[in-house]
Amino acid sequence: MTANSDMKKKFRGTKVWKSFRESFNKEKDAITNMKLYKGWNCHHMDLNPDNYDKLIKENFVPLNMQTHEFIHWIYNYYRKDKDVINRLLTVLEKMYNLNEVNEGE
């Protein structure tokens, strides 16, 4: 583990963090709008390690594990090429049209 990940792990064990995280518990996944499942993540949108312990509610969103993994994965592409979202939407729209719109025919 790196010093940064050790610091994060230690912080996530504090009462302050646990109480802050629980303040999101009745919410839904910020992307899928689905119920939060056991093991959900209180996602830090501010990725600067110096700000990890700054608990500004607007800088966090509740995410289920798969959504959290996806956000980090797609963000690595998005920060280099914002058009990745447009290409993703194009593929999703094609999938939708092939699978949902034509399903009744």
PDB file of N, CA and C in Angstrom:
ATOM      1  N   MET A   1       0.835  -1.192   0.000  1.00  0.00           N
ATOM      2  CA  MET A   1       0.000   0.000   0.000  1.00  0.00           C
ATOM      3  C   MET A   1       0.877   1.252   0.000  1.00  0.00           C
ATOM      4  N   THR A   2       0.379   2.268  -0.636  1.00  0.00           N
ATOM      5  CA  THR A   2       1.097   3.538  -0.639  1.00  0.00           C
ATOM      6  C   THR A   2       0.728   4.341   0.611  1.00  0.00           C
ATOM      7  N   ALA A   3       1.519   5.357   0.882  1.00  0.00           N
ATOM      8  CA  ALA A   3       1.223   6.232   2.025  1.00  0.00           C
ATOM      9  C   ALA A   3      -0.150   6.873   1.852  1.00  0.00           C
ATOM     10  N   ASN A   4      -0.483   7.224   0.603  1.00  0.00           N
ATOM     11  CA  ASN A   4      -1.778   7.850   0.318  1.00  0.00           C
ATOM     12  C   ASN A   4      -2.926   6.877   0.618  1.00  0.00           C
ATOM     13  N   SER A   5      -2.794   5.627   0.184  1.00  0.00           N
ATOM     14  CA  SER A   5      -3.873   4.670   0.441  1.00  0.00           C
ATOM     15  C   SER A   5      -3.953   4.322   1.928  1.00  0.00           C
ATOM     16  N   ASP A   6      -2.811   4.306   2.626  1.00  0.00           N
ATOM     17  CA  ASP A   6      -2.829   4.097   4.081  1.00  0.00           C
ATOM     18  C   ASP A   6      -3.578   5.229   4.782  1.00  0.00           C
ATOM     19  N   MET A   7      -3.325   6.458   4.344  1.00  0.00           N
ATOM     20  CA  MET A   7      -3.991   7.627   4.928  1.00  0.00           C
ATOM     21  C   MET A   7      -5.501   7.541   4.696  1.00  0.00           C
ATOM     22  N   LYS A   8      -5.899   7.159   3.488  1.00  0.00           N
ATOM     23  CA  LYS A   8      -7.321   7.041   3.163  1.00  0.00           C
ATOM     24  C   LYS A   8      -7.984   5.961   4.012  1.00  0.00           C
ATOM     25  N   LYS A   9      -7.331   4.826   4.119  1.00  0.00           N
ATOM     26  CA  LYS A   9      -7.886   3.717   4.903  1.00  0.00           C
ATOM     27  C   LYS A   9      -8.047   4.126   6.367  1.00  0.00           C
ATOM     28  N   LYS A  10      -7.053   4.787   6.917  1.00  0.00           N
ATOM     29  CA  LYS A  10      -7.109   5.239   8.306  1.00  0.00           C
ATOM     30  C   LYS A  10      -8.264   6.231   8.498  1.00  0.00           C
ATOM     31  N   PHE A  11      -8.409   7.171   7.557  1.00  0.00           N
ATOM     32  CA  PHE A  11      -9.471   8.167   7.654  1.00  0.00           C
ATOM     33  C   PHE A  11     -10.851   7.517   7.579  1.00  0.00           C
ATOM     34  N   ARG A  12     -10.998   6.523   6.692  1.00  0.00           N
ATOM     35  CA  ARG A  12     -12.295   5.853   6.553  1.00  0.00           C
ATOM     36  C   ARG A  12     -12.674   5.050   7.800  1.00  0.00           C
ATOM     37  N   GLY A  13     -11.747   4.839   8.702  1.00  0.00           N
ATOM     38  CA  GLY A  13     -12.037   4.155   9.952  1.00  0.00           C
ATOM     39  C   GLY A  13     -12.478   5.077  11.070  1.00  0.00           C
ATOM     40  N   THR A  14     -12.470   6.382  10.838  1.00  0.00           N
ATOM     41  CA  THR A  14     -12.818   7.335  11.896  1.00  0.00           C
ATOM     42  C   THR A  14     -14.331   7.469  12.048  1.00  0.00           C
ATOM     43  N   LYS A  15     -14.752   7.862  13.244  1.00  0.00           N
ATOM     44  CA  LYS A  15     -16.172   8.111  13.507  1.00  0.00           C
ATOM     45  C   LYS A  15     -16.694   9.261  12.657  1.00  0.00           C
ATOM     46  N   VAL A  16     -15.843  10.269  12.448  1.00  0.00           N
ATOM     47  CA  VAL A  16     -16.242  11.433  11.642  1.00  0.00           C
ATOM     48  C   VAL A  16     -16.612  10.982  10.233  1.00  0.00           C
ATOM     49  N   TRP A  17     -15.758  10.149   9.620  1.00  0.00           N
ATOM     50  CA  TRP A  17     -16.032   9.672   8.267  1.00  0.00           C
ATOM     51  C   TRP A  17     -17.282   8.790   8.235  1.00  0.00           C
ATOM     52  N   LYS A  18     -17.375   7.858   9.173  1.00  0.00           N
ATOM     53  CA  LYS A  18     -18.508   6.931   9.186  1.00  0.00           C
ATOM     54  C   LYS A  18     -19.831   7.674   9.348  1.00  0.00           C
ATOM     55  N   SER A  19     -19.839   8.684  10.202  1.00  0.00           N
ATOM     56  CA  SER A  19     -21.044   9.492  10.390  1.00  0.00           C
ATOM     57  C   SER A  19     -21.374  10.272   9.112  1.00  0.00           C
ATOM     58  N   PHE A  20     -20.357  10.850   8.493  1.00  0.00           N
ATOM     59  CA  PHE A  20     -20.552  11.597   7.245  1.00  0.00           C
ATOM     60  C   PHE A  20     -21.105  10.671   6.162  1.00  0.00           C
ATOM     61  N   ARG A  21     -20.505   9.496   6.013  1.00  0.00           N
ATOM     62  CA  ARG A  21     -20.931   8.533   5.000  1.00  0.00           C
ATOM     63  C   ARG A  21     -22.383   8.125   5.225  1.00  0.00           C
ATOM     64  N   GLU A  22     -22.751   7.885   6.469  1.00  0.00           N
ATOM     65  CA  GLU A  22     -24.107   7.465   6.775  1.00  0.00           C
ATOM     66  C   GLU A  22     -25.138   8.551   6.473  1.00  0.00           C
ATOM     67  N   SER A  23     -24.700   9.803   6.389  1.00  0.00           N
ATOM     68  CA  SER A  23     -25.645  10.876   6.051  1.00  0.00           C
ATOM     69  C   SER A  23     -26.190  10.714   4.631  1.00  0.00           C
ATOM     70  N   PHE A  24     -25.549   9.868   3.816  1.00  0.00           N
ATOM     71  CA  PHE A  24     -25.996   9.600   2.442  1.00  0.00           C
ATOM     72  C   PHE A  24     -26.821   8.315   2.358  1.00  0.00           C
ATOM     73  N   ASN A  25     -26.918   7.563   3.436  1.00  0.00           N
ATOM     74  CA  ASN A  25     -27.421   6.191   3.409  1.00  0.00           C
ATOM     75  C   ASN A  25     -28.830   6.032   2.863  1.00  0.00           C
ATOM     76  N   LYS A  26     -29.690   6.994   3.007  1.00  0.00           N
ATOM     77  CA  LYS A  26     -31.069   6.856   2.516  1.00  0.00           C
ATOM     78  C   LYS A  26     -31.219   7.335   1.072  1.00  0.00           C
ATOM     79  N   GLU A  27     -30.111   7.761   0.480  1.00  0.00           N
ATOM     80  CA  GLU A  27     -30.152   8.231  -0.901  1.00  0.00           C
ATOM     81  C   GLU A  27     -30.016   7.056  -1.858  1.00  0.00           C
ATOM     82  N   LYS A  28     -30.048   7.350  -3.137  1.00  0.00           N
ATOM     83  CA  LYS A  28     -29.888   6.342  -4.180  1.00  0.00           C
ATOM     84  C   LYS A  28     -28.572   6.567  -4.898  1.00  0.00           C
ATOM     85  N   ASP A  29     -28.139   5.571  -5.655  1.00  0.00           N
ATOM     86  CA  ASP A  29     -26.951   5.684  -6.486  1.00  0.00           C
ATOM     87  C   ASP A  29     -27.125   6.906  -7.394  1.00  0.00           C
ATOM     88  N   ALA A  30     -26.146   7.797  -7.387  1.00  0.00           N
ATOM     89  CA  ALA A  30     -26.249   9.081  -8.095  1.00  0.00           C
ATOM     90  C   ALA A  30     -26.306   8.930  -9.615  1.00  0.00           C
ATOM     91  N   ILE A  31     -25.876   7.796 -10.143  1.00  0.00           N
ATOM     92  CA  ILE A  31     -25.889   7.596 -11.597  1.00  0.00           C
ATOM     93  C   ILE A  31     -27.077   6.741 -12.021  1.00  0.00           C
ATOM     94  N   THR A  32     -27.256   5.592 -11.384  1.00  0.00           N
ATOM     95  CA  THR A  32     -28.304   4.660 -11.804  1.00  0.00           C
ATOM     96  C   THR A  32     -29.648   4.939 -11.162  1.00  0.00           C
ATOM     97  N   ASN A  33     -29.655   5.727 -10.098  1.00  0.00           N
ATOM     98  CA  ASN A  33     -30.861   6.030  -9.323  1.00  0.00           C
ATOM     99  C   ASN A  33     -31.442   4.772  -8.668  1.00  0.00           C
ATOM    100  N   MET A  34     -30.590   3.758  -8.480  1.00  0.00           N
ATOM    101  CA  MET A  34     -31.004   2.514  -7.832  1.00  0.00           C
ATOM    102  C   MET A  34     -30.715   2.592  -6.336  1.00  0.00           C
ATOM    103  N   LYS A  35     -31.365   1.723  -5.587  1.00  0.00           N
ATOM    104  CA  LYS A  35     -31.132   1.611  -4.149  1.00  0.00           C
ATOM    105  C   LYS A  35     -29.637   1.381  -3.895  1.00  0.00           C
ATOM    106  N   LEU A  36     -29.117   1.956  -2.813  1.00  0.00           N
ATOM    107  CA  LEU A  36     -27.733   1.697  -2.428  1.00  0.00           C
ATOM    108  C   LEU A  36     -27.652   0.322  -1.784  1.00  0.00           C
ATOM    109  N   TYR A  37     -26.689  -0.479  -2.237  1.00  0.00           N
ATOM    110  CA  TYR A  37     -26.515  -1.821  -1.714  1.00  0.00           C
ATOM    111  C   TYR A  37     -25.368  -1.865  -0.730  1.00  0.00           C
ATOM    112  N   LYS A  38     -25.340  -2.933   0.071  1.00  0.00           N
ATOM    113  CA  LYS A  38     -24.273  -3.119   1.044  1.00  0.00           C
ATOM    114  C   LYS A  38     -22.925  -2.941   0.344  1.00  0.00           C
ATOM    115  N   GLY A  39     -22.038  -2.198   0.970  1.00  0.00           N
ATOM    116  CA  GLY A  39     -20.717  -1.957   0.388  1.00  0.00           C
ATOM    117  C   GLY A  39     -20.671  -0.774  -0.558  1.00  0.00           C
ATOM    118  N   TRP A  40     -21.740   0.025  -0.608  1.00  0.00           N
ATOM    119  CA  TRP A  40     -21.757   1.193  -1.491  1.00  0.00           C
ATOM    120  C   TRP A  40     -20.634   2.151  -1.107  1.00  0.00           C
ATOM    121  N   ASN A  41     -20.267   2.999  -2.058  1.00  0.00           N
ATOM    122  CA  ASN A  41     -19.167   3.942  -1.864  1.00  0.00           C
ATOM    123  C   ASN A  41     -19.666   5.369  -1.756  1.00  0.00           C
ATOM    124  N   CYS A  42     -19.092   6.099  -0.843  1.00  0.00           N
ATOM    125  CA  CYS A  42     -19.300   7.535  -0.753  1.00  0.00           C
ATOM    126  C   CYS A  42     -18.155   8.134  -1.576  1.00  0.00           C
ATOM    127  N   HIS A  43     -18.432   8.404  -2.830  1.00  0.00           N
ATOM    128  CA  HIS A  43     -17.401   8.771  -3.804  1.00  0.00           C
ATOM    129  C   HIS A  43     -16.928  10.209  -3.644  1.00  0.00           C
ATOM    130  N   HIS A  44     -15.633  10.353  -3.448  1.00  0.00           N
ATOM    131  CA  HIS A  44     -14.991  11.676  -3.422  1.00  0.00           C
ATOM    132  C   HIS A  44     -14.857  12.156  -4.868  1.00  0.00           C
ATOM    133  N   MET A  45     -15.516  13.202  -5.241  1.00  0.00           N
ATOM    134  CA  MET A  45     -15.345  13.735  -6.593  1.00  0.00           C
ATOM    135  C   MET A  45     -14.071  14.565  -6.690  1.00  0.00           C
ATOM    136  N   ASP A  46     -13.618  15.119  -5.570  1.00  0.00           N
ATOM    137  CA  ASP A  46     -12.353  15.851  -5.520  1.00  0.00           C
ATOM    138  C   ASP A  46     -11.254  14.821  -5.274  1.00  0.00           C
ATOM    139  N   LEU A  47     -10.465  14.523  -6.290  1.00  0.00           N
ATOM    140  CA  LEU A  47      -9.461  13.463  -6.209  1.00  0.00           C
ATOM    141  C   LEU A  47      -8.121  13.926  -5.649  1.00  0.00           C
ATOM    142  N   ASN A  48      -8.021  15.189  -5.264  1.00  0.00           N
ATOM    143  CA  ASN A  48      -6.780  15.705  -4.685  1.00  0.00           C
ATOM    144  C   ASN A  48      -6.600  15.105  -3.291  1.00  0.00           C
ATOM    145  N   PRO A  49      -5.517  14.342  -3.066  1.00  0.00           N
ATOM    146  CA  PRO A  49      -5.303  13.719  -1.755  1.00  0.00           C
ATOM    147  C   PRO A  49      -5.286  14.719  -0.594  1.00  0.00           C
ATOM    148  N   ASP A  50      -4.878  15.944  -0.854  1.00  0.00           N
ATOM    149  CA  ASP A  50      -4.862  16.963   0.203  1.00  0.00           C
ATOM    150  C   ASP A  50      -6.266  17.319   0.687  1.00  0.00           C
ATOM    151  N   ASN A  51      -7.273  17.017  -0.129  1.00  0.00           N
ATOM    152  CA  ASN A  51      -8.655  17.353   0.213  1.00  0.00           C
ATOM    153  C   ASN A  51      -9.465  16.143   0.668  1.00  0.00           C
ATOM    154  N   TYR A  52      -8.805  15.013   0.848  1.00  0.00           N
ATOM    155  CA  TYR A  52      -9.510  13.766   1.158  1.00  0.00           C
ATOM    156  C   TYR A  52     -10.345  13.869   2.428  1.00  0.00           C
ATOM    157  N   ASP A  53      -9.848  14.599   3.407  1.00  0.00           N
ATOM    158  CA  ASP A  53     -10.567  14.680   4.681  1.00  0.00           C
ATOM    159  C   ASP A  53     -11.440  15.922   4.806  1.00  0.00           C
ATOM    160  N   LYS A  54     -11.604  16.662   3.722  1.00  0.00           N
ATOM    161  CA  LYS A  54     -12.486  17.840   3.723  1.00  0.00           C
ATOM    162  C   LYS A  54     -13.891  17.370   3.348  1.00  0.00           C
ATOM    163  N   LEU A  55     -14.739  17.273   4.336  1.00  0.00           N
ATOM    164  CA  LEU A  55     -16.057  16.674   4.157  1.00  0.00           C
ATOM    165  C   LEU A  55     -17.095  17.712   3.745  1.00  0.00           C
ATOM    166  N   ILE A  56     -16.990  18.130   2.503  1.00  0.00           N
ATOM    167  CA  ILE A  56     -17.931  19.077   1.903  1.00  0.00           C
ATOM    168  C   ILE A  56     -18.951  18.232   1.124  1.00  0.00           C
ATOM    169  N   LYS A  57     -20.168  18.165   1.626  1.00  0.00           N
ATOM    170  CA  LYS A  57     -21.164  17.228   1.094  1.00  0.00           C
ATOM    171  C   LYS A  57     -21.333  17.335  -0.429  1.00  0.00           C
ATOM    172  N   GLU A  58     -21.245  18.531  -0.977  1.00  0.00           N
ATOM    173  CA  GLU A  58     -21.425  18.719  -2.425  1.00  0.00           C
ATOM    174  C   GLU A  58     -20.309  18.055  -3.244  1.00  0.00           C
ATOM    175  N   ASN A  59     -19.216  17.684  -2.587  1.00  0.00           N
ATOM    176  CA  ASN A  59     -18.083  17.066  -3.286  1.00  0.00           C
ATOM    177  C   ASN A  59     -18.122  15.540  -3.236  1.00  0.00           C
ATOM    178  N   PHE A  60     -19.245  14.986  -2.775  1.00  0.00           N
ATOM    179  CA  PHE A  60     -19.402  13.539  -2.647  1.00  0.00           C
ATOM    180  C   PHE A  60     -20.709  13.095  -3.280  1.00  0.00           C
ATOM    181  N   VAL A  61     -20.722  11.874  -3.790  1.00  0.00           N
ATOM    182  CA  VAL A  61     -21.967  11.258  -4.275  1.00  0.00           C
ATOM    183  C   VAL A  61     -21.971   9.789  -3.853  1.00  0.00           C
ATOM    184  N   PRO A  62     -23.148   9.277  -3.502  1.00  0.00           N
ATOM    185  CA  PRO A  62     -23.245   7.855  -3.165  1.00  0.00           C
ATOM    186  C   PRO A  62     -23.324   7.020  -4.443  1.00  0.00           C
ATOM    187  N   LEU A  63     -22.507   5.974  -4.497  1.00  0.00           N
ATOM    188  CA  LEU A  63     -22.467   5.108  -5.669  1.00  0.00           C
ATOM    189  C   LEU A  63     -22.369   3.650  -5.239  1.00  0.00           C
ATOM    190  N   ASN A  64     -23.104   2.786  -5.918  1.00  0.00           N
ATOM    191  CA  ASN A  64     -22.914   1.360  -5.717  1.00  0.00           C
ATOM    192  C   ASN A  64     -21.553   0.957  -6.271  1.00  0.00           C
ATOM    193  N   MET A  65     -21.059  -0.206  -5.871  1.00  0.00           N
ATOM    194  CA  MET A  65     -19.687  -0.599  -6.210  1.00  0.00           C
ATOM    195  C   MET A  65     -19.404  -0.595  -7.709  1.00  0.00           C
ATOM    196  N   GLN A  66     -20.287  -1.182  -8.500  1.00  0.00           N
ATOM    197  CA  GLN A  66     -20.037  -1.230  -9.944  1.00  0.00           C
ATOM    198  C   GLN A  66     -20.060   0.160 -10.561  1.00  0.00           C
ATOM    199  N   THR A  67     -20.970   0.997 -10.113  1.00  0.00           N
ATOM    200  CA  THR A  67     -21.030   2.366 -10.621  1.00  0.00           C
ATOM    201  C   THR A  67     -19.751   3.106 -10.258  1.00  0.00           C
ATOM    202  N   HIS A  68     -19.272   2.907  -9.041  1.00  0.00           N
ATOM    203  CA  HIS A  68     -18.045   3.559  -8.584  1.00  0.00           C
ATOM    204  C   HIS A  68     -16.848   3.138  -9.446  1.00  0.00           C
ATOM    205  N   GLU A  69     -16.743   1.853  -9.705  1.00  0.00           N
ATOM    206  CA  GLU A  69     -15.657   1.365 -10.566  1.00  0.00           C
ATOM    207  C   GLU A  69     -15.767   1.973 -11.961  1.00  0.00           C
ATOM    208  N   PHE A  70     -16.994   2.015 -12.506  1.00  0.00           N
ATOM    209  CA  PHE A  70     -17.201   2.573 -13.840  1.00  0.00           C
ATOM    210  C   PHE A  70     -16.820   4.053 -13.889  1.00  0.00           C
ATOM    211  N   ILE A  71     -17.221   4.815 -12.877  1.00  0.00           N
ATOM    212  CA  ILE A  71     -16.923   6.255 -12.853  1.00  0.00           C
ATOM    213  C   ILE A  71     -15.415   6.485 -12.892  1.00  0.00           C
ATOM    214  N   HIS A  72     -14.681   5.753 -12.075  1.00  0.00           N
ATOM    215  CA  HIS A  72     -13.224   5.906 -12.090  1.00  0.00           C
ATOM    216  C   HIS A  72     -12.639   5.476 -13.431  1.00  0.00           C
ATOM    217  N   TRP A  73     -13.160   4.399 -14.000  1.00  0.00           N
ATOM    218  CA  TRP A  73     -12.667   3.903 -15.277  1.00  0.00           C
ATOM    219  C   TRP A  73     -12.916   4.917 -16.399  1.00  0.00           C
ATOM    220  N   ILE A  74     -14.154   5.376 -16.525  1.00  0.00           N
ATOM    221  CA  ILE A  74     -14.483   6.300 -17.616  1.00  0.00           C
ATOM    222  C   ILE A  74     -13.821   7.658 -17.408  1.00  0.00           C
ATOM    223  N   TYR A  75     -13.644   8.071 -16.156  1.00  0.00           N
ATOM    224  CA  TYR A  75     -13.009   9.362 -15.882  1.00  0.00           C
ATOM    225  C   TYR A  75     -11.580   9.403 -16.410  1.00  0.00           C
ATOM    226  N   ASN A  76     -10.873   8.294 -16.365  1.00  0.00           N
ATOM    227  CA  ASN A  76      -9.509   8.260 -16.903  1.00  0.00           C
ATOM    228  C   ASN A  76      -9.485   8.599 -18.387  1.00  0.00           C
ATOM    229  N   TYR A  77     -10.520   8.216 -19.113  1.00  0.00           N
ATOM    230  CA  TYR A  77     -10.621   8.564 -20.539  1.00  0.00           C
ATOM    231  C   TYR A  77     -11.165   9.981 -20.709  1.00  0.00           C
ATOM    232  N   TYR A  78     -12.178  10.315 -19.914  1.00  0.00           N
ATOM    233  CA  TYR A  78     -12.843  11.612 -20.024  1.00  0.00           C
ATOM    234  C   TYR A  78     -11.875  12.770 -19.799  1.00  0.00           C
ATOM    235  N   ARG A  79     -10.982  12.652 -18.847  1.00  0.00           N
ATOM    236  CA  ARG A  79     -10.069  13.765 -18.568  1.00  0.00           C
ATOM    237  C   ARG A  79      -9.103  14.011 -19.715  1.00  0.00           C
ATOM    238  N   LYS A  80      -8.894  13.020 -20.566  1.00  0.00           N
ATOM    239  CA  LYS A  80      -8.017  13.177 -21.728  1.00  0.00           C
ATOM    240  C   LYS A  80      -8.804  13.530 -22.992  1.00  0.00           C
ATOM    241  N   ASP A  81     -10.068  13.115 -23.022  1.00  0.00           N
ATOM    242  CA  ASP A  81     -10.874  13.270 -24.236  1.00  0.00           C
ATOM    243  C   ASP A  81     -12.354  13.295 -23.848  1.00  0.00           C
ATOM    244  N   LYS A  82     -12.895  14.489 -23.672  1.00  0.00           N
ATOM    245  CA  LYS A  82     -14.278  14.621 -23.213  1.00  0.00           C
ATOM    246  C   LYS A  82     -15.288  14.039 -24.207  1.00  0.00           C
ATOM    247  N   ASP A  83     -14.907  13.892 -25.456  1.00  0.00           N
ATOM    248  CA  ASP A  83     -15.814  13.318 -26.454  1.00  0.00           C
ATOM    249  C   ASP A  83     -16.095  11.836 -26.226  1.00  0.00           C
ATOM    250  N   VAL A  84     -15.374  11.214 -25.302  1.00  0.00           N
ATOM    251  CA  VAL A  84     -15.646   9.814 -24.995  1.00  0.00           C
ATOM    252  C   VAL A  84     -17.095   9.642 -24.551  1.00  0.00           C
ATOM    253  N   ILE A  85     -17.654  10.635 -23.895  1.00  0.00           N
ATOM    254  CA  ILE A  85     -19.051  10.556 -23.449  1.00  0.00           C
ATOM    255  C   ILE A  85     -19.997  10.551 -24.646  1.00  0.00           C
ATOM    256  N   ASN A  86     -19.717  11.384 -25.643  1.00  0.00           N
ATOM    257  CA  ASN A  86     -20.557  11.403 -26.848  1.00  0.00           C
ATOM    258  C   ASN A  86     -20.491  10.064 -27.575  1.00  0.00           C
ATOM    259  N   ARG A  87     -19.306   9.464 -27.655  1.00  0.00           N
ATOM    260  CA  ARG A  87     -19.177   8.163 -28.308  1.00  0.00           C
ATOM    261  C   ARG A  87     -19.910   7.080 -27.508  1.00  0.00           C
ATOM    262  N   LEU A  88     -19.831   7.163 -26.190  1.00  0.00           N
ATOM    263  CA  LEU A  88     -20.551   6.222 -25.338  1.00  0.00           C
ATOM    264  C   LEU A  88     -22.056   6.348 -25.549  1.00  0.00           C
ATOM    265  N   LEU A  89     -22.550   7.580 -25.593  1.00  0.00           N
ATOM    266  CA  LEU A  89     -23.974   7.795 -25.836  1.00  0.00           C
ATOM    267  C   LEU A  89     -24.401   7.254 -27.198  1.00  0.00           C
ATOM    268  N   THR A  90     -23.566   7.412 -28.214  1.00  0.00           N
ATOM    269  CA  THR A  90     -23.870   6.898 -29.550  1.00  0.00           C
ATOM    270  C   THR A  90     -24.018   5.382 -29.524  1.00  0.00           C
ATOM    271  N   VAL A  91     -23.084   4.707 -28.863  1.00  0.00           N
ATOM    272  CA  VAL A  91     -23.148   3.251 -28.766  1.00  0.00           C
ATOM    273  C   VAL A  91     -24.367   2.815 -27.963  1.00  0.00           C
ATOM    274  N   LEU A  92     -24.635   3.476 -26.852  1.00  0.00           N
ATOM    275  CA  LEU A  92     -25.804   3.122 -26.037  1.00  0.00           C
ATOM    276  C   LEU A  92     -27.110   3.343 -26.797  1.00  0.00           C
ATOM    277  N   GLU A  93     -27.180   4.425 -27.542  1.00  0.00           N
ATOM    278  CA  GLU A  93     -28.388   4.708 -28.327  1.00  0.00           C
ATOM    279  C   GLU A  93     -28.597   3.643 -29.401  1.00  0.00           C
ATOM    280  N   LYS A  94     -27.514   3.218 -30.064  1.00  0.00           N
ATOM    281  CA  LYS A  94     -27.621   2.151 -31.068  1.00  0.00           C
ATOM    282  C   LYS A  94     -28.088   0.852 -30.416  1.00  0.00           C
ATOM    283  N   MET A  95     -27.515   0.538 -29.252  1.00  0.00           N
ATOM    284  CA  MET A  95     -27.929  -0.662 -28.534  1.00  0.00           C
ATOM    285  C   MET A  95     -29.402  -0.589 -28.167  1.00  0.00           C
ATOM    286  N   TYR A  96     -29.810   0.569 -27.690  1.00  0.00           N
ATOM    287  CA  TYR A  96     -31.211   0.760 -27.312  1.00  0.00           C
ATOM    288  C   TYR A  96     -32.122   0.557 -28.520  1.00  0.00           C
ATOM    289  N   ASN A  97     -31.772   1.170 -29.635  1.00  0.00           N
ATOM    290  CA  ASN A  97     -32.589   1.066 -30.843  1.00  0.00           C
ATOM    291  C   ASN A  97     -32.660  -0.368 -31.351  1.00  0.00           C
ATOM    292  N   LEU A  98     -31.567  -1.087 -31.266  1.00  0.00           N
ATOM    293  CA  LEU A  98     -31.557  -2.483 -31.732  1.00  0.00           C
ATOM    294  C   LEU A  98     -32.301  -3.413 -30.793  1.00  0.00           C
ATOM    295  N   ASN A  99     -32.284  -3.121 -29.519  1.00  0.00           N
ATOM    296  CA  ASN A  99     -32.811  -4.063 -28.551  1.00  0.00           C
ATOM    297  C   ASN A  99     -34.152  -3.702 -27.949  1.00  0.00           C
ATOM    298  N   GLU A 100     -34.432  -2.418 -27.841  1.00  0.00           N
ATOM    299  CA  GLU A 100     -35.668  -1.994 -27.185  1.00  0.00           C
ATOM    300  C   GLU A 100     -36.723  -1.541 -28.187  1.00  0.00           C
ATOM    301  N   VAL A 101     -36.336  -0.681 -29.100  1.00  0.00           N
ATOM    302  CA  VAL A 101     -37.280  -0.114 -30.050  1.00  0.00           C
ATOM    303  C   VAL A 101     -37.810  -1.202 -30.981  1.00  0.00           C
ATOM    304  N   ASN A 102     -36.934  -2.086 -31.448  1.00  0.00           N
ATOM    305  CA  ASN A 102     -37.342  -3.121 -32.406  1.00  0.00           C
ATOM    306  C   ASN A 102     -37.889  -4.369 -31.728  1.00  0.00           C
ATOM    307  N   GLU A 103     -37.921  -4.408 -30.419  1.00  0.00           N
ATOM    308  CA  GLU A 103     -38.351  -5.598 -29.687  1.00  0.00           C
ATOM    309  C   GLU A 103     -39.806  -5.948 -29.962  1.00  0.00           C
ATOM    310  N   GLY A 104     -40.643  -4.966 -30.171  1.00  0.00           N
ATOM    311  CA  GLY A 104     -42.066  -5.221 -30.383  1.00  0.00           C
ATOM    312  C   GLY A 104     -42.421  -5.642 -31.796  1.00  0.00           C
ATOM    313  N   GLU A 105     -41.487  -5.616 -32.690  1.00  0.00           N
ATOM    314  CA  GLU A 105     -41.796  -5.965 -34.104  1.00  0.00           C
ATOM    315  C   GLU A 105     -41.827  -7.456 -34.336  1.00  0.00           C
TER     316      GLU A 105
END
